[in-house]
N, C-alpha and C. Protein backbone atom coordinates (compact mmCIF):
# COMPACT_ATOMS: atom_id res chain seq x y z
N MET A 1 -11.80 15.35 21.82
CA MET A 1 -11.21 14.10 21.39
C MET A 1 -9.93 14.39 20.63
N ALA A 2 -8.83 13.79 21.03
CA ALA A 2 -7.53 14.02 20.41
C ALA A 2 -7.40 13.21 19.12
N PHE A 3 -6.65 13.77 18.20
CA PHE A 3 -6.37 13.11 16.93
C PHE A 3 -5.27 12.08 17.15
N ASP A 4 -5.49 10.85 16.74
CA ASP A 4 -4.53 9.77 16.96
C ASP A 4 -3.93 9.34 15.62
N LEU A 5 -2.78 9.92 15.27
CA LEU A 5 -2.13 9.65 13.99
C LEU A 5 -1.73 8.19 13.82
N PRO A 6 -1.15 7.53 14.82
CA PRO A 6 -0.80 6.11 14.62
C PRO A 6 -2.01 5.24 14.26
N THR A 7 -3.15 5.50 14.88
CA THR A 7 -4.35 4.72 14.57
C THR A 7 -4.80 4.99 13.14
N LEU A 8 -4.77 6.25 12.70
CA LEU A 8 -5.12 6.59 11.32
C LEU A 8 -4.21 5.85 10.34
N ARG A 9 -2.92 5.84 10.64
CA ARG A 9 -1.97 5.18 9.74
C ARG A 9 -2.19 3.67 9.71
N ILE A 10 -2.47 3.07 10.85
CA ILE A 10 -2.73 1.62 10.88
C ILE A 10 -3.98 1.31 10.07
N VAL A 11 -5.03 2.10 10.23
CA VAL A 11 -6.27 1.88 9.49
C VAL A 11 -6.03 2.07 7.99
N SER A 12 -5.29 3.10 7.61
CA SER A 12 -5.07 3.33 6.18
C SER A 12 -4.22 2.23 5.56
N TYR A 13 -3.26 1.71 6.30
CA TYR A 13 -2.49 0.57 5.79
C TYR A 13 -3.35 -0.69 5.73
N ALA A 14 -4.26 -0.86 6.67
CA ALA A 14 -5.17 -2.02 6.65
C ALA A 14 -6.09 -1.94 5.43
N ILE A 15 -6.52 -0.74 5.07
CA ILE A 15 -7.34 -0.56 3.88
C ILE A 15 -6.53 -0.90 2.63
N LEU A 16 -5.25 -0.52 2.62
CA LEU A 16 -4.37 -0.89 1.51
C LEU A 16 -4.27 -2.41 1.40
N VAL A 17 -4.15 -3.09 2.53
CA VAL A 17 -4.11 -4.56 2.52
C VAL A 17 -5.41 -5.11 1.93
N LEU A 18 -6.54 -4.56 2.33
CA LEU A 18 -7.83 -5.02 1.81
C LEU A 18 -7.91 -4.87 0.30
N PHE A 19 -7.58 -3.68 -0.22
CA PHE A 19 -7.64 -3.46 -1.66
C PHE A 19 -6.63 -4.35 -2.39
N SER A 20 -5.45 -4.51 -1.82
CA SER A 20 -4.44 -5.37 -2.43
C SER A 20 -4.91 -6.82 -2.45
N LEU A 21 -5.55 -7.25 -1.38
CA LEU A 21 -6.06 -8.62 -1.31
C LEU A 21 -7.15 -8.85 -2.37
N ILE A 22 -7.99 -7.86 -2.58
CA ILE A 22 -9.02 -7.97 -3.61
C ILE A 22 -8.39 -8.07 -4.99
N VAL A 23 -7.41 -7.20 -5.28
CA VAL A 23 -6.73 -7.25 -6.58
C VAL A 23 -5.98 -8.58 -6.72
N PHE A 24 -5.38 -9.05 -5.63
CA PHE A 24 -4.69 -10.34 -5.64
C PHE A 24 -5.64 -11.46 -6.07
N GLY A 25 -6.80 -11.52 -5.46
CA GLY A 25 -7.78 -12.55 -5.82
C GLY A 25 -8.27 -12.43 -7.25
N LEU A 26 -8.51 -11.21 -7.70
CA LEU A 26 -8.97 -11.00 -9.07
C LEU A 26 -7.90 -11.37 -10.09
N THR A 27 -6.64 -11.03 -9.80
CA THR A 27 -5.57 -11.38 -10.74
C THR A 27 -5.33 -12.88 -10.78
N ILE A 28 -5.46 -13.54 -9.63
CA ILE A 28 -5.34 -15.00 -9.62
C ILE A 28 -6.47 -15.60 -10.46
N GLY A 29 -7.68 -15.08 -10.30
CA GLY A 29 -8.80 -15.55 -11.11
C GLY A 29 -8.57 -15.33 -12.59
N ARG A 30 -8.03 -14.17 -12.95
CA ARG A 30 -7.75 -13.88 -14.36
C ARG A 30 -6.67 -14.82 -14.91
N LEU A 31 -5.61 -15.03 -14.14
CA LEU A 31 -4.55 -15.95 -14.58
C LEU A 31 -5.08 -17.36 -14.74
N ASN A 32 -5.92 -17.79 -13.81
CA ASN A 32 -6.51 -19.13 -13.91
C ASN A 32 -7.35 -19.26 -15.18
N TYR A 33 -8.11 -18.22 -15.48
CA TYR A 33 -8.95 -18.25 -16.68
C TYR A 33 -8.11 -18.28 -17.95
N THR A 34 -7.12 -17.39 -18.06
CA THR A 34 -6.35 -17.30 -19.31
C THR A 34 -5.37 -18.45 -19.48
N ASN A 35 -4.98 -19.10 -18.41
CA ASN A 35 -4.07 -20.25 -18.53
C ASN A 35 -4.83 -21.57 -18.69
N ASN A 36 -6.14 -21.54 -18.56
CA ASN A 36 -6.98 -22.74 -18.71
C ASN A 36 -8.23 -22.40 -19.51
N LEU A 37 -8.04 -21.85 -20.70
CA LEU A 37 -9.19 -21.45 -21.50
C LEU A 37 -10.06 -22.66 -21.84
N PRO A 38 -11.36 -22.49 -21.68
CA PRO A 38 -12.25 -23.60 -22.03
C PRO A 38 -12.22 -23.88 -23.54
N ARG A 39 -12.50 -25.12 -23.89
CA ARG A 39 -12.53 -25.51 -25.31
C ARG A 39 -13.58 -24.68 -26.04
N GLY A 40 -13.18 -24.12 -27.15
CA GLY A 40 -14.09 -23.32 -27.96
C GLY A 40 -14.17 -21.85 -27.55
N ASP A 41 -13.39 -21.43 -26.56
CA ASP A 41 -13.39 -20.02 -26.15
C ASP A 41 -12.81 -19.17 -27.27
N THR A 42 -13.45 -18.05 -27.56
CA THR A 42 -13.00 -17.19 -28.66
C THR A 42 -11.80 -16.33 -28.26
N LEU A 43 -11.52 -16.19 -26.97
CA LEU A 43 -10.41 -15.37 -26.53
C LEU A 43 -9.09 -16.01 -26.95
N ASN A 44 -8.27 -15.25 -27.65
CA ASN A 44 -6.94 -15.69 -28.09
C ASN A 44 -7.01 -16.97 -28.94
N GLY A 45 -8.09 -17.15 -29.65
CA GLY A 45 -8.23 -18.33 -30.49
C GLY A 45 -8.30 -19.63 -29.70
N GLY A 46 -8.65 -19.55 -28.41
CA GLY A 46 -8.75 -20.74 -27.57
C GLY A 46 -7.42 -21.23 -27.04
N LYS A 47 -6.34 -20.48 -27.29
CA LYS A 47 -5.01 -20.90 -26.82
C LYS A 47 -4.71 -20.21 -25.49
N ASP A 48 -4.19 -21.00 -24.53
CA ASP A 48 -3.85 -20.46 -23.22
C ASP A 48 -2.79 -19.37 -23.34
N PHE A 49 -2.87 -18.36 -22.48
CA PHE A 49 -1.91 -17.26 -22.45
C PHE A 49 -1.99 -16.59 -21.08
N TYR A 50 -1.15 -15.60 -20.87
CA TYR A 50 -1.28 -14.76 -19.68
C TYR A 50 -0.96 -13.33 -20.06
N ASP A 51 -1.54 -12.40 -19.32
CA ASP A 51 -1.30 -10.98 -19.54
C ASP A 51 -0.14 -10.56 -18.64
N PRO A 52 0.94 -10.02 -19.20
CA PRO A 52 2.07 -9.59 -18.36
C PRO A 52 1.67 -8.54 -17.31
N ASP A 53 0.72 -7.68 -17.64
CA ASP A 53 0.29 -6.67 -16.67
C ASP A 53 -0.43 -7.31 -15.49
N ILE A 54 -1.15 -8.38 -15.72
CA ILE A 54 -1.82 -9.08 -14.62
C ILE A 54 -0.77 -9.66 -13.68
N VAL A 55 0.31 -10.21 -14.24
CA VAL A 55 1.39 -10.75 -13.40
C VAL A 55 2.05 -9.62 -12.62
N GLU A 56 2.26 -8.47 -13.26
CA GLU A 56 2.87 -7.33 -12.56
C GLU A 56 1.97 -6.86 -11.41
N LEU A 57 0.68 -6.81 -11.64
CA LEU A 57 -0.25 -6.41 -10.57
C LEU A 57 -0.29 -7.46 -9.46
N LEU A 58 -0.17 -8.73 -9.82
CA LEU A 58 -0.13 -9.79 -8.82
C LEU A 58 1.09 -9.63 -7.91
N VAL A 59 2.25 -9.39 -8.51
CA VAL A 59 3.47 -9.17 -7.73
C VAL A 59 3.35 -7.91 -6.89
N THR A 60 2.78 -6.85 -7.46
CA THR A 60 2.58 -5.60 -6.73
C THR A 60 1.70 -5.81 -5.50
N THR A 61 0.65 -6.60 -5.64
CA THR A 61 -0.23 -6.84 -4.49
C THR A 61 0.51 -7.58 -3.38
N MET A 62 1.34 -8.55 -3.76
CA MET A 62 2.08 -9.30 -2.74
C MET A 62 3.08 -8.40 -2.02
N ILE A 63 3.77 -7.55 -2.77
CA ILE A 63 4.71 -6.60 -2.15
C ILE A 63 3.96 -5.63 -1.25
N SER A 64 2.83 -5.13 -1.72
CA SER A 64 2.04 -4.17 -0.94
C SER A 64 1.53 -4.77 0.36
N MET A 65 1.03 -6.00 0.29
CA MET A 65 0.52 -6.63 1.51
C MET A 65 1.64 -6.88 2.51
N ALA A 66 2.80 -7.33 2.01
CA ALA A 66 3.93 -7.56 2.91
C ALA A 66 4.41 -6.25 3.54
N TRP A 67 4.51 -5.20 2.73
CA TRP A 67 4.96 -3.90 3.24
C TRP A 67 3.98 -3.33 4.26
N ALA A 68 2.70 -3.38 3.93
CA ALA A 68 1.68 -2.85 4.85
C ALA A 68 1.68 -3.63 6.16
N GLY A 69 1.84 -4.94 6.08
CA GLY A 69 1.92 -5.74 7.31
C GLY A 69 3.13 -5.36 8.15
N PHE A 70 4.26 -5.13 7.48
CA PHE A 70 5.47 -4.70 8.19
C PHE A 70 5.26 -3.35 8.88
N VAL A 71 4.67 -2.41 8.17
CA VAL A 71 4.46 -1.08 8.74
C VAL A 71 3.44 -1.12 9.87
N ILE A 72 2.37 -1.87 9.71
CA ILE A 72 1.38 -1.99 10.79
C ILE A 72 2.04 -2.57 12.04
N ARG A 73 2.83 -3.61 11.87
CA ARG A 73 3.54 -4.21 13.00
C ARG A 73 4.51 -3.22 13.63
N THR A 74 5.23 -2.48 12.80
CA THR A 74 6.20 -1.50 13.30
C THR A 74 5.52 -0.40 14.10
N ILE A 75 4.40 0.10 13.61
CA ILE A 75 3.67 1.15 14.34
C ILE A 75 3.07 0.59 15.62
N HIS A 76 2.42 -0.56 15.52
CA HIS A 76 1.74 -1.13 16.68
C HIS A 76 2.72 -1.52 17.80
N ARG A 77 3.83 -2.13 17.43
CA ARG A 77 4.80 -2.59 18.45
C ARG A 77 5.91 -1.57 18.72
N ARG A 78 5.87 -0.46 18.03
CA ARG A 78 6.87 0.60 18.19
C ARG A 78 8.29 0.10 17.97
N VAL A 79 8.47 -0.61 16.89
CA VAL A 79 9.78 -1.15 16.54
C VAL A 79 10.69 -0.01 16.12
N GLU A 80 11.92 -0.01 16.64
CA GLU A 80 12.86 1.07 16.34
C GLU A 80 14.23 0.55 15.94
N ASP A 81 14.43 -0.74 15.91
CA ASP A 81 15.78 -1.28 15.85
C ASP A 81 16.29 -1.69 14.47
N ASN A 82 15.59 -1.36 13.40
CA ASN A 82 16.16 -1.69 12.10
C ASN A 82 16.16 -0.46 11.19
N LEU A 83 16.93 -0.54 10.13
CA LEU A 83 17.14 0.59 9.23
C LEU A 83 15.86 1.07 8.55
N VAL A 84 15.00 0.15 8.22
CA VAL A 84 13.80 0.49 7.47
C VAL A 84 12.70 1.05 8.37
N SER A 85 12.83 0.96 9.68
CA SER A 85 11.76 1.41 10.56
C SER A 85 11.79 2.91 10.84
N THR A 86 12.46 3.69 9.99
CA THR A 86 12.44 5.14 10.10
C THR A 86 11.45 5.69 9.06
N PHE A 87 11.09 6.95 9.22
CA PHE A 87 10.21 7.58 8.23
C PHE A 87 10.87 7.61 6.86
N ARG A 88 12.18 7.79 6.81
CA ARG A 88 12.88 7.77 5.52
C ARG A 88 12.69 6.42 4.85
N GLY A 89 12.84 5.33 5.61
CA GLY A 89 12.62 3.99 5.06
C GLY A 89 11.20 3.80 4.58
N GLU A 90 10.25 4.33 5.34
CA GLU A 90 8.85 4.22 4.93
C GLU A 90 8.61 4.95 3.62
N LEU A 91 9.15 6.17 3.49
CA LEU A 91 8.95 6.92 2.25
C LEU A 91 9.56 6.22 1.05
N ILE A 92 10.75 5.65 1.23
CA ILE A 92 11.39 4.92 0.13
C ILE A 92 10.55 3.70 -0.26
N GLY A 93 10.11 2.94 0.74
CA GLY A 93 9.26 1.78 0.46
C GLY A 93 7.96 2.17 -0.22
N LEU A 94 7.31 3.22 0.28
CA LEU A 94 6.06 3.67 -0.33
C LEU A 94 6.27 4.18 -1.76
N PHE A 95 7.39 4.85 -2.00
CA PHE A 95 7.66 5.33 -3.35
C PHE A 95 7.82 4.17 -4.33
N VAL A 96 8.55 3.15 -3.93
CA VAL A 96 8.74 1.98 -4.80
C VAL A 96 7.39 1.31 -5.09
N ILE A 97 6.59 1.12 -4.04
CA ILE A 97 5.27 0.50 -4.22
C ILE A 97 4.37 1.41 -5.05
N TRP A 98 4.46 2.72 -4.83
CA TRP A 98 3.67 3.68 -5.61
C TRP A 98 3.99 3.53 -7.10
N MET A 99 5.29 3.39 -7.42
CA MET A 99 5.69 3.24 -8.82
C MET A 99 5.12 1.95 -9.42
N PHE A 100 5.19 0.85 -8.67
CA PHE A 100 4.62 -0.40 -9.15
C PHE A 100 3.12 -0.24 -9.44
N TRP A 101 2.40 0.37 -8.51
CA TRP A 101 0.95 0.53 -8.69
C TRP A 101 0.63 1.45 -9.86
N ILE A 102 1.34 2.57 -9.99
CA ILE A 102 1.00 3.50 -11.06
C ILE A 102 1.29 2.91 -12.43
N VAL A 103 2.39 2.17 -12.55
CA VAL A 103 2.71 1.54 -13.84
C VAL A 103 1.69 0.46 -14.18
N GLY A 104 1.45 -0.46 -13.25
CA GLY A 104 0.51 -1.55 -13.51
C GLY A 104 -0.90 -1.06 -13.74
N THR A 105 -1.33 -0.11 -12.95
CA THR A 105 -2.69 0.40 -13.08
C THR A 105 -2.86 1.21 -14.36
N SER A 106 -1.85 1.98 -14.73
CA SER A 106 -1.93 2.75 -15.98
C SER A 106 -2.01 1.84 -17.19
N ILE A 107 -1.20 0.80 -17.20
CA ILE A 107 -1.25 -0.14 -18.33
C ILE A 107 -2.60 -0.85 -18.36
N ALA A 108 -3.08 -1.27 -17.20
CA ALA A 108 -4.38 -1.94 -17.13
C ALA A 108 -5.50 -1.01 -17.61
N THR A 109 -5.43 0.25 -17.21
CA THR A 109 -6.45 1.21 -17.63
C THR A 109 -6.39 1.44 -19.13
N THR A 110 -5.18 1.51 -19.69
CA THR A 110 -5.03 1.70 -21.13
C THR A 110 -5.61 0.51 -21.89
N GLN A 111 -5.35 -0.70 -21.39
CA GLN A 111 -5.82 -1.89 -22.10
C GLN A 111 -7.30 -2.18 -21.86
N TRP A 112 -7.76 -2.02 -20.60
CA TRP A 112 -9.10 -2.50 -20.25
C TRP A 112 -9.97 -1.42 -19.61
N GLY A 113 -9.67 -0.16 -19.86
CA GLY A 113 -10.40 0.92 -19.22
C GLY A 113 -11.82 1.11 -19.71
N SER A 114 -12.12 0.62 -20.91
CA SER A 114 -13.44 0.83 -21.49
C SER A 114 -14.01 -0.51 -21.97
N LEU A 115 -14.48 -1.29 -21.02
CA LEU A 115 -15.01 -2.61 -21.36
C LEU A 115 -16.52 -2.69 -21.20
N GLY A 116 -17.19 -1.55 -21.28
CA GLY A 116 -18.64 -1.53 -21.13
C GLY A 116 -19.36 -2.35 -22.18
N PHE A 117 -18.76 -2.48 -23.36
CA PHE A 117 -19.39 -3.22 -24.45
C PHE A 117 -19.49 -4.73 -24.16
N CYS A 118 -18.66 -5.23 -23.26
CA CYS A 118 -18.68 -6.68 -23.00
C CYS A 118 -18.99 -6.98 -21.53
N ALA A 119 -19.67 -6.08 -20.86
CA ALA A 119 -19.94 -6.22 -19.42
C ALA A 119 -20.78 -7.46 -19.09
N ARG A 120 -21.41 -8.05 -20.08
CA ARG A 120 -22.21 -9.25 -19.80
C ARG A 120 -21.34 -10.49 -19.58
N PHE A 121 -20.05 -10.40 -19.95
CA PHE A 121 -19.13 -11.53 -19.77
C PHE A 121 -18.35 -11.36 -18.47
N GLU A 122 -18.20 -12.46 -17.76
CA GLU A 122 -17.49 -12.42 -16.48
C GLU A 122 -16.03 -11.96 -16.64
N ALA A 123 -15.38 -12.37 -17.71
CA ALA A 123 -13.98 -11.98 -17.92
C ALA A 123 -13.83 -10.46 -18.00
N CYS A 124 -14.77 -9.79 -18.63
CA CYS A 124 -14.72 -8.33 -18.73
C CYS A 124 -15.00 -7.68 -17.38
N ARG A 125 -15.93 -8.25 -16.63
CA ARG A 125 -16.23 -7.69 -15.30
C ARG A 125 -15.03 -7.85 -14.36
N VAL A 126 -14.32 -8.96 -14.48
CA VAL A 126 -13.12 -9.17 -13.65
C VAL A 126 -12.06 -8.13 -14.01
N LEU A 127 -11.84 -7.90 -15.29
CA LEU A 127 -10.85 -6.90 -15.71
C LEU A 127 -11.25 -5.49 -15.24
N SER A 128 -12.53 -5.17 -15.35
CA SER A 128 -12.99 -3.85 -14.87
C SER A 128 -12.77 -3.72 -13.36
N ALA A 129 -13.02 -4.77 -12.62
CA ALA A 129 -12.81 -4.74 -11.16
C ALA A 129 -11.32 -4.62 -10.84
N ILE A 130 -10.48 -5.28 -11.61
CA ILE A 130 -9.03 -5.16 -11.40
C ILE A 130 -8.60 -3.72 -11.57
N VAL A 131 -9.07 -3.08 -12.62
CA VAL A 131 -8.71 -1.67 -12.87
C VAL A 131 -9.21 -0.79 -11.72
N ALA A 132 -10.45 -0.98 -11.31
CA ALA A 132 -11.03 -0.13 -10.26
C ALA A 132 -10.29 -0.30 -8.93
N PHE A 133 -10.09 -1.53 -8.49
CA PHE A 133 -9.44 -1.73 -7.20
C PHE A 133 -7.95 -1.42 -7.25
N SER A 134 -7.35 -1.51 -8.43
CA SER A 134 -5.95 -1.10 -8.55
C SER A 134 -5.82 0.41 -8.33
N TRP A 135 -6.76 1.17 -8.87
CA TRP A 135 -6.73 2.62 -8.63
C TRP A 135 -6.98 2.94 -7.16
N LEU A 136 -7.88 2.20 -6.53
CA LEU A 136 -8.13 2.43 -5.10
C LEU A 136 -6.89 2.12 -4.26
N ALA A 137 -6.19 1.06 -4.60
CA ALA A 137 -4.95 0.73 -3.89
C ALA A 137 -3.90 1.81 -4.11
N TRP A 138 -3.79 2.31 -5.34
CA TRP A 138 -2.83 3.38 -5.62
C TRP A 138 -3.18 4.64 -4.82
N ILE A 139 -4.46 4.93 -4.71
CA ILE A 139 -4.91 6.09 -3.92
C ILE A 139 -4.49 5.91 -2.46
N MET A 140 -4.63 4.70 -1.91
CA MET A 140 -4.24 4.47 -0.51
C MET A 140 -2.73 4.60 -0.33
N VAL A 141 -1.95 4.13 -1.28
CA VAL A 141 -0.49 4.31 -1.19
C VAL A 141 -0.15 5.79 -1.23
N THR A 142 -0.80 6.53 -2.12
CA THR A 142 -0.58 7.98 -2.21
C THR A 142 -0.99 8.67 -0.91
N PHE A 143 -2.11 8.28 -0.34
CA PHE A 143 -2.57 8.85 0.93
C PHE A 143 -1.55 8.59 2.04
N ASN A 144 -1.08 7.35 2.15
CA ASN A 144 -0.10 7.01 3.18
C ASN A 144 1.19 7.79 2.99
N PHE A 145 1.62 7.95 1.76
CA PHE A 145 2.81 8.75 1.46
C PHE A 145 2.60 10.19 1.90
N GLY A 146 1.44 10.75 1.57
CA GLY A 146 1.14 12.14 1.93
C GLY A 146 1.07 12.36 3.44
N VAL A 147 0.44 11.43 4.16
CA VAL A 147 0.35 11.55 5.62
C VAL A 147 1.74 11.50 6.24
N SER A 148 2.55 10.55 5.81
CA SER A 148 3.91 10.43 6.37
C SER A 148 4.76 11.64 6.03
N LEU A 149 4.68 12.11 4.79
CA LEU A 149 5.46 13.28 4.39
C LEU A 149 5.03 14.52 5.16
N THR A 150 3.74 14.69 5.36
CA THR A 150 3.25 15.82 6.15
C THR A 150 3.78 15.76 7.57
N PHE A 151 3.74 14.58 8.19
CA PHE A 151 4.25 14.42 9.54
C PHE A 151 5.75 14.72 9.60
N ILE A 152 6.49 14.25 8.61
CA ILE A 152 7.94 14.49 8.56
C ILE A 152 8.22 15.98 8.46
N LEU A 153 7.54 16.66 7.56
CA LEU A 153 7.79 18.08 7.36
C LEU A 153 7.37 18.90 8.57
N ALA A 154 6.28 18.53 9.21
CA ALA A 154 5.79 19.27 10.37
C ALA A 154 6.66 19.07 11.60
N ASN A 155 7.31 17.92 11.71
CA ASN A 155 8.06 17.59 12.93
C ASN A 155 9.54 17.36 12.72
N GLY A 156 10.05 17.53 11.51
CA GLY A 156 11.46 17.27 11.25
C GLY A 156 11.84 15.85 11.64
N ALA A 157 11.05 14.88 11.20
CA ALA A 157 11.17 13.51 11.70
C ALA A 157 11.70 12.52 10.67
N MET A 158 12.47 12.96 9.71
CA MET A 158 12.92 12.07 8.63
C MET A 158 13.63 10.82 9.15
N LEU A 159 14.48 10.95 10.16
CA LEU A 159 15.24 9.81 10.65
C LEU A 159 14.68 9.23 11.95
N GLU A 160 13.48 9.66 12.32
CA GLU A 160 12.84 9.15 13.53
C GLU A 160 12.11 7.84 13.22
N PRO A 161 11.87 7.01 14.24
CA PRO A 161 11.12 5.77 14.01
C PRO A 161 9.73 6.05 13.46
N LEU A 162 9.31 5.23 12.51
CA LEU A 162 8.06 5.51 11.81
C LEU A 162 6.81 5.29 12.63
N HIS A 163 6.94 4.78 13.85
CA HIS A 163 5.72 4.66 14.65
C HIS A 163 5.22 6.04 15.07
N GLY A 164 6.07 7.06 15.01
CA GLY A 164 5.65 8.44 15.20
C GLY A 164 5.25 8.83 16.59
N GLN A 165 5.64 8.07 17.59
CA GLN A 165 5.26 8.40 18.96
C GLN A 165 6.51 8.79 19.74
N TRP A 166 6.94 10.01 19.51
CA TRP A 166 8.13 10.51 20.18
C TRP A 166 7.89 11.94 20.58
N VAL A 167 8.68 12.40 21.50
CA VAL A 167 8.55 13.76 22.01
C VAL A 167 9.72 14.56 21.42
N PRO A 168 9.45 15.49 20.52
CA PRO A 168 10.52 16.20 19.83
C PRO A 168 11.45 16.99 20.76
N GLN A 169 10.99 17.43 21.92
CA GLN A 169 11.81 18.24 22.80
C GLN A 169 12.94 17.43 23.43
N GLN A 170 12.90 16.13 23.41
CA GLN A 170 13.87 15.32 24.11
C GLN A 170 14.74 14.51 23.15
N ARG A 171 15.11 15.03 22.04
CA ARG A 171 15.87 14.29 21.05
C ARG A 171 17.26 13.89 21.53
N ASP A 172 17.81 14.62 22.48
CA ASP A 172 19.16 14.31 22.94
C ASP A 172 19.18 13.24 24.02
N SER A 173 18.05 12.95 24.61
CA SER A 173 18.03 11.95 25.68
C SER A 173 18.06 10.54 25.08
N GLU A 174 18.26 9.56 25.95
CA GLU A 174 18.41 8.19 25.49
C GLU A 174 17.14 7.64 24.86
N SER A 175 15.99 7.94 25.43
CA SER A 175 14.73 7.47 24.86
C SER A 175 13.70 8.58 24.96
N GLN A 176 13.10 8.90 23.83
CA GLN A 176 12.10 9.95 23.84
C GLN A 176 10.72 9.42 23.47
N TYR A 177 10.51 8.13 23.58
CA TYR A 177 9.27 7.54 23.17
C TYR A 177 8.36 7.32 24.36
N THR A 178 7.09 7.64 24.18
CA THR A 178 6.14 7.62 25.28
C THR A 178 4.93 6.79 24.91
N GLU A 179 4.01 6.73 25.83
CA GLU A 179 2.76 6.03 25.59
C GLU A 179 1.92 6.81 24.58
N ARG A 180 0.85 6.25 24.15
CA ARG A 180 -0.01 6.89 23.15
C ARG A 180 -0.58 8.22 23.61
N THR A 181 -0.55 8.47 24.89
CA THR A 181 -1.10 9.73 25.38
C THR A 181 -0.18 10.90 25.09
N ARG A 182 1.06 10.60 24.60
CA ARG A 182 2.05 11.62 24.26
C ARG A 182 2.33 12.54 25.43
N GLN A 183 2.61 11.96 26.56
CA GLN A 183 2.98 12.74 27.73
C GLN A 183 4.31 13.40 27.47
N SER A 184 4.43 14.62 27.82
CA SER A 184 5.66 15.33 27.58
C SER A 184 6.30 15.71 28.91
N ARG A 185 7.58 15.41 29.01
CA ARG A 185 8.32 15.79 30.22
C ARG A 185 9.05 17.09 29.97
N PRO A 186 9.23 17.92 30.99
CA PRO A 186 9.92 19.19 30.78
C PRO A 186 11.39 18.95 30.41
N VAL A 187 11.88 19.81 29.54
CA VAL A 187 13.28 19.74 29.15
C VAL A 187 14.10 20.54 30.15
N SER A 188 15.16 19.94 30.64
CA SER A 188 15.99 20.64 31.63
C SER A 188 16.90 21.64 30.96
N ALA A 189 17.04 22.79 31.52
CA ALA A 189 17.92 23.82 30.98
C ALA A 189 19.28 23.68 31.63
N ALA A 190 20.28 23.32 30.89
CA ALA A 190 21.60 23.09 31.46
C ALA A 190 22.52 24.25 31.20
């Protein structure tokens, strides 16, 4: 059985979408709670507020889902016609998203990393889940970055389309992209 890198990348980006979607829902829930505190709630003296880190994670999830959707579409449809559809563009995009995740997740971990004392309250469980799934999303971004970087280094593919289905021996020809079976045509000696 042959190893299918495009399928692995699509699945790993889909997992990133899943984790981002979970964090998105949890952050929306947290914002709803803190902006509509029930009467008599002891949190923040009962006054509505929002956590800036929750907003940062919310924005990060939206960027991550949009980016992952773009990359999945680019790999699946073998898009080659825009500047960002190269491996270089993918690495730049992943690095920016990686920075958003590491900053937001680190701040969240610093603030809410040890909430075992209040685990009986839903608000604490939501914060703990936000921290956990934020780390999982960061791990998936790191994994995707590592897979792409490994492919680039192994194949000298920095400026090649990020769908990764090309035949390196035919770089000078008009089109070197093939079906998923990676059929290779002989290079003519001129």
